[in-house]
């Protein structure tokens, strides 16, 4: 009887998650689920399949992966195993610099579709700002026209390289995926991209697990008020700021807790107090030259 009641309560929780998931409208009119699961550093297809299947059962409808993560097959397997209609799921992946080029990118996209075992990708990003990124962007635009990709965007682009994409793009970036959290709020980049209607996705949404950020007194105060954890307060702040977030975890309990942020709302004054945590401090600080050398030297397996 107790197990039966647990199953009923779990079913109710899943239905509530589905009902309360929020969406952001991209500059092409597509509606992207604002909350999802990131699978960065979930190693191996079996572990990834299990994590994706569990997340989808809990009501997640957005999965973020990449060629570089080397687990796209597991993502595809998890989607199939979940039994959830593919049309209900937003699938994001990213091309690595070794996938960039007029002749290379179309083949890389087809290989990605095969690894994911899907007919289309909802959002495709250029993962890093190195290599033949202009040619890659133009090839992604062709993939949109061919129906293989619904929306395209950028990850980790800034400065002159971002300007170059904006200059040549016939399809402006729908999404910009960057480090984004209460300590590093990307105000200047947001202002720059506002004219294109570009939405922001956050990696390191919790500040790379920095205990100082996670234990900020305002987060503890709000957590006590709303009966939530400090992590849930940060994730709720992201949602209300219009960010798209997908915290990585393979732990079902953490997955359930992370998505349990749609039954409360921070006030405008509380949002402002979290905004005040901004320090313009980022956690990923590898110099650009080192990034380029490392990233261009590596080719992920197909």
Protein backbone atom coordinates (compact mmCIF):
# COMPACT_ATOMS: atom_id res chain seq x y z
CA UNK A 1 0.00 0.00 0.00
CA UNK A 2 2.83 2.36 0.91
CA UNK A 3 4.68 1.63 -2.33
CA UNK A 4 1.47 2.16 -4.28
CA UNK A 5 0.98 5.55 -2.63
CA UNK A 6 4.59 6.47 -3.43
CA UNK A 7 3.96 5.62 -7.09
CA UNK A 8 0.84 7.79 -7.11
CA UNK A 9 2.70 10.71 -5.53
CA UNK A 10 5.56 10.31 -8.01
CA UNK A 11 3.06 10.37 -10.89
CA UNK A 12 1.49 13.54 -9.50
CA UNK A 13 4.93 15.15 -9.19
CA UNK A 14 5.75 14.33 -12.81
CA UNK A 15 2.44 15.74 -14.03
CA UNK A 16 2.96 18.91 -12.00
CA UNK A 17 6.46 19.31 -13.48
CA UNK A 18 5.07 18.98 -16.97
CA UNK A 19 2.37 21.54 -16.27
CA UNK A 20 4.62 24.10 -14.64
CA UNK A 21 7.62 23.96 -16.98
CA UNK A 22 8.20 27.42 -18.42
CA UNK A 23 9.19 28.28 -21.97
CA UNK A 24 11.13 31.05 -23.69
CA UNK A 25 10.27 32.18 -27.21
CA UNK A 26 13.31 32.35 -29.48
CA UNK A 27 13.82 34.92 -32.25
CA UNK A 28 12.52 32.41 -34.81
CA UNK A 29 9.27 31.88 -32.89
CA UNK A 30 10.18 28.46 -31.49
CA UNK A 31 9.40 27.86 -27.82
CA UNK A 32 12.26 26.29 -25.86
CA UNK A 33 11.77 24.66 -22.44
CA UNK A 34 13.55 26.90 -19.98
CA UNK A 35 14.72 24.12 -17.69
CA UNK A 36 16.56 20.98 -18.71
CA UNK A 37 19.26 18.43 -18.02
CA UNK A 38 22.88 18.99 -18.99
CA UNK A 39 24.90 15.82 -19.62
CA UNK A 40 28.40 17.31 -19.62
CA UNK A 41 30.77 14.91 -17.84
CA UNK A 42 28.24 12.08 -17.63
CA UNK A 43 30.62 9.45 -18.90
CA UNK A 44 29.50 6.67 -21.20
CA UNK A 45 26.35 5.98 -23.14
CA UNK A 46 24.85 3.65 -20.53
CA UNK A 47 25.07 6.21 -17.73
CA UNK A 48 23.80 8.92 -20.06
CA UNK A 49 20.88 6.81 -21.23
CA UNK A 50 19.90 6.15 -17.62
CA UNK A 51 20.15 9.82 -16.64
CA UNK A 52 18.16 11.04 -19.65
CA UNK A 53 15.46 8.43 -19.17
CA UNK A 54 15.10 9.33 -15.50
CA UNK A 55 15.00 13.06 -16.24
CA UNK A 56 12.29 12.68 -18.85
CA UNK A 57 10.24 10.59 -16.42
CA UNK A 58 10.49 13.45 -13.92
CA UNK A 59 9.10 15.92 -16.43
CA UNK A 60 12.27 17.33 -17.96
CA UNK A 61 11.78 18.22 -21.62
CA UNK A 62 15.13 19.74 -22.58
CA UNK A 63 18.40 17.80 -22.93
CA UNK A 64 21.70 19.59 -23.61
CA UNK A 65 24.60 17.58 -25.03
CA UNK A 66 27.51 18.07 -27.48
CA UNK A 67 29.80 16.14 -29.79
CA UNK A 68 32.61 16.93 -27.36
CA UNK A 69 30.75 15.27 -24.48
CA UNK A 70 31.03 11.92 -26.29
CA UNK A 71 27.63 10.76 -25.04
CA UNK A 72 25.19 11.73 -27.81
CA UNK A 73 24.33 8.09 -28.48
CA UNK A 74 23.34 7.68 -24.86
CA UNK A 75 21.12 10.76 -25.13
CA UNK A 76 19.37 9.31 -28.16
CA UNK A 77 18.95 5.96 -26.45
CA UNK A 78 17.53 7.63 -23.34
CA UNK A 79 14.98 9.56 -25.38
CA UNK A 80 13.84 6.36 -27.10
CA UNK A 81 13.74 4.40 -23.83
CA UNK A 82 11.67 7.09 -22.07
CA UNK A 83 8.67 6.58 -24.32
CA UNK A 84 8.15 10.35 -24.45
CA UNK A 85 7.15 11.65 -27.87
CA UNK A 86 10.20 13.15 -29.59
CA UNK A 87 8.14 16.25 -30.46
CA UNK A 88 7.78 17.02 -26.73
CA UNK A 89 11.55 17.04 -26.19
CA UNK A 90 13.92 19.88 -26.97
CA UNK A 91 17.29 18.47 -27.99
CA UNK A 92 20.38 20.68 -28.03
CA UNK A 93 23.83 19.70 -29.24
CA UNK A 94 27.04 21.45 -30.27
CA UNK A 95 29.62 21.19 -33.03
CA UNK A 96 33.29 21.09 -32.03
CA UNK A 97 35.89 23.15 -34.00
CA UNK A 98 37.00 19.96 -35.77
CA UNK A 99 33.44 19.90 -37.19
CA UNK A 100 33.79 23.35 -38.76
CA UNK A 101 34.16 23.98 -42.49
CA UNK A 102 32.21 24.24 -45.73
CA UNK A 103 32.70 20.59 -46.57
CA UNK A 104 33.08 19.30 -43.02
CA UNK A 105 30.08 20.78 -41.20
CA UNK A 106 27.29 19.24 -43.34
CA UNK A 107 28.83 15.80 -42.81
CA UNK A 108 29.29 16.50 -39.10
CA UNK A 109 25.61 17.39 -38.75
CA UNK A 110 24.54 14.18 -40.50
CA UNK A 111 26.82 12.16 -38.21
CA UNK A 112 25.34 13.95 -35.21
CA UNK A 113 21.81 13.11 -36.33
CA UNK A 114 22.87 9.47 -36.65
CA UNK A 115 24.48 9.40 -33.19
CA UNK A 116 21.39 10.97 -31.63
CA UNK A 117 19.13 8.69 -33.70
CA UNK A 118 16.83 11.56 -34.62
CA UNK A 119 15.62 13.28 -37.78
CA UNK A 120 16.27 16.80 -36.51
CA UNK A 121 18.06 18.77 -33.81
CA UNK A 122 16.08 21.47 -32.06
CA UNK A 123 19.09 23.69 -31.32
CA UNK A 124 22.60 23.41 -32.75
CA UNK A 125 25.44 25.54 -31.41
CA UNK A 126 29.00 26.26 -32.40
CA UNK A 127 30.77 25.10 -29.24
CA UNK A 128 33.92 27.25 -29.39
CA UNK A 129 35.08 30.37 -31.24
CA UNK A 130 38.03 28.78 -33.06
CA UNK A 131 38.63 27.30 -36.50
CA UNK A 132 36.45 27.84 -39.59
CA UNK A 133 33.51 29.12 -37.58
CA UNK A 134 32.18 31.40 -40.33
CA UNK A 135 31.91 28.51 -42.77
CA UNK A 136 30.38 26.37 -40.04
CA UNK A 137 27.74 29.02 -39.31
CA UNK A 138 26.80 29.24 -42.96
CA UNK A 139 26.51 25.45 -43.13
CA UNK A 140 24.25 25.48 -40.08
CA UNK A 141 22.03 28.02 -41.81
CA UNK A 142 21.72 25.58 -44.71
CA UNK A 143 20.82 22.82 -42.23
CA UNK A 144 18.00 25.02 -40.92
CA UNK A 145 16.71 25.51 -44.46
CA UNK A 146 16.93 21.76 -45.04
CA UNK A 147 14.86 21.00 -41.93
CA UNK A 148 17.66 19.18 -40.13
CA UNK A 149 17.95 21.87 -37.44
CA UNK A 150 15.26 24.11 -35.96
CA UNK A 151 17.41 26.85 -34.41
CA UNK A 152 21.08 27.78 -34.29
CA UNK A 153 23.26 29.66 -31.85
CA UNK A 154 26.66 30.14 -30.28
CA UNK A 155 28.52 28.96 -27.22
CA UNK A 156 31.49 30.84 -25.76
CA UNK A 157 31.76 33.50 -28.48
CA UNK A 158 32.65 37.11 -27.77
CA UNK A 159 34.63 40.05 -29.10
CA UNK A 160 35.70 40.20 -32.74
CA UNK A 161 34.73 36.60 -33.47
CA UNK A 162 31.19 37.19 -32.29
CA UNK A 163 31.10 40.39 -34.35
CA UNK A 164 32.17 38.44 -37.44
CA UNK A 165 29.30 35.97 -37.03
CA UNK A 166 26.80 38.79 -36.52
CA UNK A 167 28.13 40.51 -39.64
CA UNK A 168 27.73 37.52 -41.98
CA UNK A 169 24.75 35.78 -40.39
CA UNK A 170 21.58 35.61 -42.45
CA UNK A 171 20.01 33.83 -39.47
CA UNK A 172 20.93 35.66 -36.28
CA UNK A 173 21.86 33.55 -33.23
CA UNK A 174 18.78 32.34 -31.40
CA UNK A 175 20.79 31.42 -28.32
CA UNK A 176 24.05 32.37 -26.63
CA UNK A 177 25.34 29.76 -24.18
CA UNK A 178 27.92 31.18 -21.75
CA UNK A 179 29.06 31.09 -18.16
CA UNK A 180 26.23 32.81 -16.29
CA UNK A 181 25.39 32.86 -12.57
CA UNK A 182 24.74 35.41 -9.80
CA UNK A 183 28.45 36.28 -9.54
CA UNK A 184 28.80 36.75 -13.33
CA UNK A 185 25.64 38.05 -14.93
CA UNK A 186 26.85 38.93 -18.45
CA UNK A 187 25.24 42.38 -18.50
CA UNK A 188 27.32 43.80 -21.36
CA UNK A 189 26.88 40.75 -23.59
CA UNK A 190 23.14 40.67 -22.92
CA UNK A 191 22.88 44.32 -23.89
CA UNK A 192 24.82 43.69 -27.10
CA UNK A 193 22.66 40.73 -28.13
CA UNK A 194 19.29 42.22 -27.19
CA UNK A 195 18.78 43.75 -30.64
CA UNK A 196 18.85 40.27 -32.17
CA UNK A 197 16.41 38.74 -29.70
CA UNK A 198 19.08 36.26 -28.64
CA UNK A 199 18.26 34.31 -25.47
CA UNK A 200 20.87 33.29 -22.92
CA UNK A 201 21.67 29.80 -21.71
CA UNK A 202 23.77 29.30 -18.62
CA UNK A 203 26.60 26.91 -18.01
CA UNK A 204 27.98 26.91 -14.48
CA UNK A 205 24.50 28.11 -13.42
CA UNK A 206 25.48 27.40 -9.80
CA UNK A 207 28.90 29.02 -10.05
CA UNK A 208 30.82 25.77 -10.47
CA UNK A 209 29.59 24.67 -7.05
CA UNK A 210 31.44 27.48 -5.28
CA UNK A 211 30.55 27.19 -1.58
CA UNK A 212 30.85 30.95 -1.13
CA UNK A 213 28.15 31.60 -3.72
CA UNK A 214 25.94 28.73 -2.62
CA UNK A 215 26.02 29.93 1.00
CA UNK A 216 25.35 33.61 0.37
CA UNK A 217 23.11 34.88 3.18
CA UNK A 218 20.39 36.18 0.83
CA UNK A 219 20.02 32.71 -0.67
CA UNK A 220 19.77 31.13 2.77
CA UNK A 221 17.21 33.73 3.84
CA UNK A 222 15.05 33.13 0.78
CA UNK A 223 15.45 29.37 1.07
CA UNK A 224 14.11 29.49 4.60
CA UNK A 225 11.22 31.71 3.53
CA UNK A 226 10.09 29.49 0.67
CA UNK A 227 11.10 26.10 2.07
CA UNK A 228 13.72 25.62 -0.66
CA UNK A 229 17.44 24.96 -0.82
CA UNK A 230 19.92 27.66 -1.76
CA UNK A 231 20.48 25.83 -5.06
CA UNK A 232 16.76 25.98 -5.82
CA UNK A 233 16.74 29.72 -5.10
CA UNK A 234 19.56 30.26 -7.64
CA UNK A 235 17.79 28.16 -10.25
CA UNK A 236 14.56 30.05 -9.67
CA UNK A 237 16.45 33.34 -10.08
CA UNK A 238 17.71 32.11 -13.45
CA UNK A 239 14.20 31.21 -14.56
CA UNK A 240 12.78 34.59 -13.61
CA UNK A 241 15.67 36.38 -15.33
CA UNK A 242 14.70 34.61 -18.55
CA UNK A 243 17.75 32.36 -18.65
CA UNK A 244 17.68 28.81 -19.96
CA UNK A 245 19.34 26.43 -17.49
CA UNK A 246 20.24 22.74 -17.42
CA UNK A 247 22.17 21.77 -14.29
CA UNK A 248 24.14 18.55 -14.74
CA UNK A 249 23.42 15.58 -12.50
CA UNK A 250 23.02 11.84 -12.84
CA UNK A 251 21.50 11.57 -9.36
CA UNK A 252 17.69 11.08 -9.51
CA UNK A 253 17.20 12.82 -6.15
CA UNK A 254 19.13 15.87 -7.32
CA UNK A 255 17.21 15.84 -10.62
CA UNK A 256 13.92 15.86 -8.74
CA UNK A 257 15.05 18.66 -6.42
CA UNK A 258 16.42 20.78 -9.27
CA UNK A 259 13.18 20.81 -11.22
CA UNK A 260 11.09 21.49 -8.10
CA UNK A 261 11.27 25.26 -8.57
CA UNK A 262 7.99 26.06 -10.27
CA UNK A 263 5.74 26.26 -7.21
CA UNK A 264 7.02 29.59 -5.91
CA UNK A 265 8.13 32.98 -7.25
CA UNK A 266 10.66 35.48 -5.99
CA UNK A 267 9.42 39.05 -5.62
CA UNK A 268 10.93 41.90 -7.63
CA UNK A 269 12.75 43.10 -4.51
CA UNK A 270 14.15 39.62 -3.85
CA UNK A 271 15.28 39.28 -7.45
CA UNK A 272 17.07 42.61 -7.12
CA UNK A 273 18.86 41.44 -3.99
CA UNK A 274 20.15 38.36 -5.81
CA UNK A 275 21.17 40.62 -8.70
CA UNK A 276 23.24 42.58 -6.20
CA UNK A 277 25.50 39.53 -5.77
CA UNK A 278 27.07 40.30 -9.16
CA UNK A 279 30.86 40.60 -8.90
CA UNK A 280 31.78 40.17 -12.58
CA UNK A 281 33.74 37.14 -11.39
CA UNK A 282 33.93 34.09 -13.61
CA UNK A 283 35.29 30.63 -12.84
CA UNK A 284 36.58 29.65 -16.27
CA UNK A 285 39.65 31.79 -16.86
CA UNK A 286 41.84 29.86 -19.29
CA UNK A 287 43.54 32.43 -21.58
CA UNK A 288 42.14 32.58 -25.10
CA UNK A 289 45.41 31.48 -26.72
CA UNK A 290 45.54 28.38 -24.52
CA UNK A 291 41.91 27.61 -25.26
CA UNK A 292 42.58 27.79 -28.98
CA UNK A 293 45.66 25.60 -28.79
CA UNK A 294 43.95 22.95 -26.67
CA UNK A 295 40.58 22.93 -28.38
CA UNK A 296 41.91 22.88 -31.96
CA UNK A 297 44.35 20.09 -31.10
CA UNK A 298 41.60 17.69 -30.10
CA UNK A 299 39.11 15.88 -32.32
CA UNK A 300 36.25 14.04 -30.59
CA UNK A 301 35.48 10.57 -31.90
CA UNK A 302 32.43 10.00 -34.08
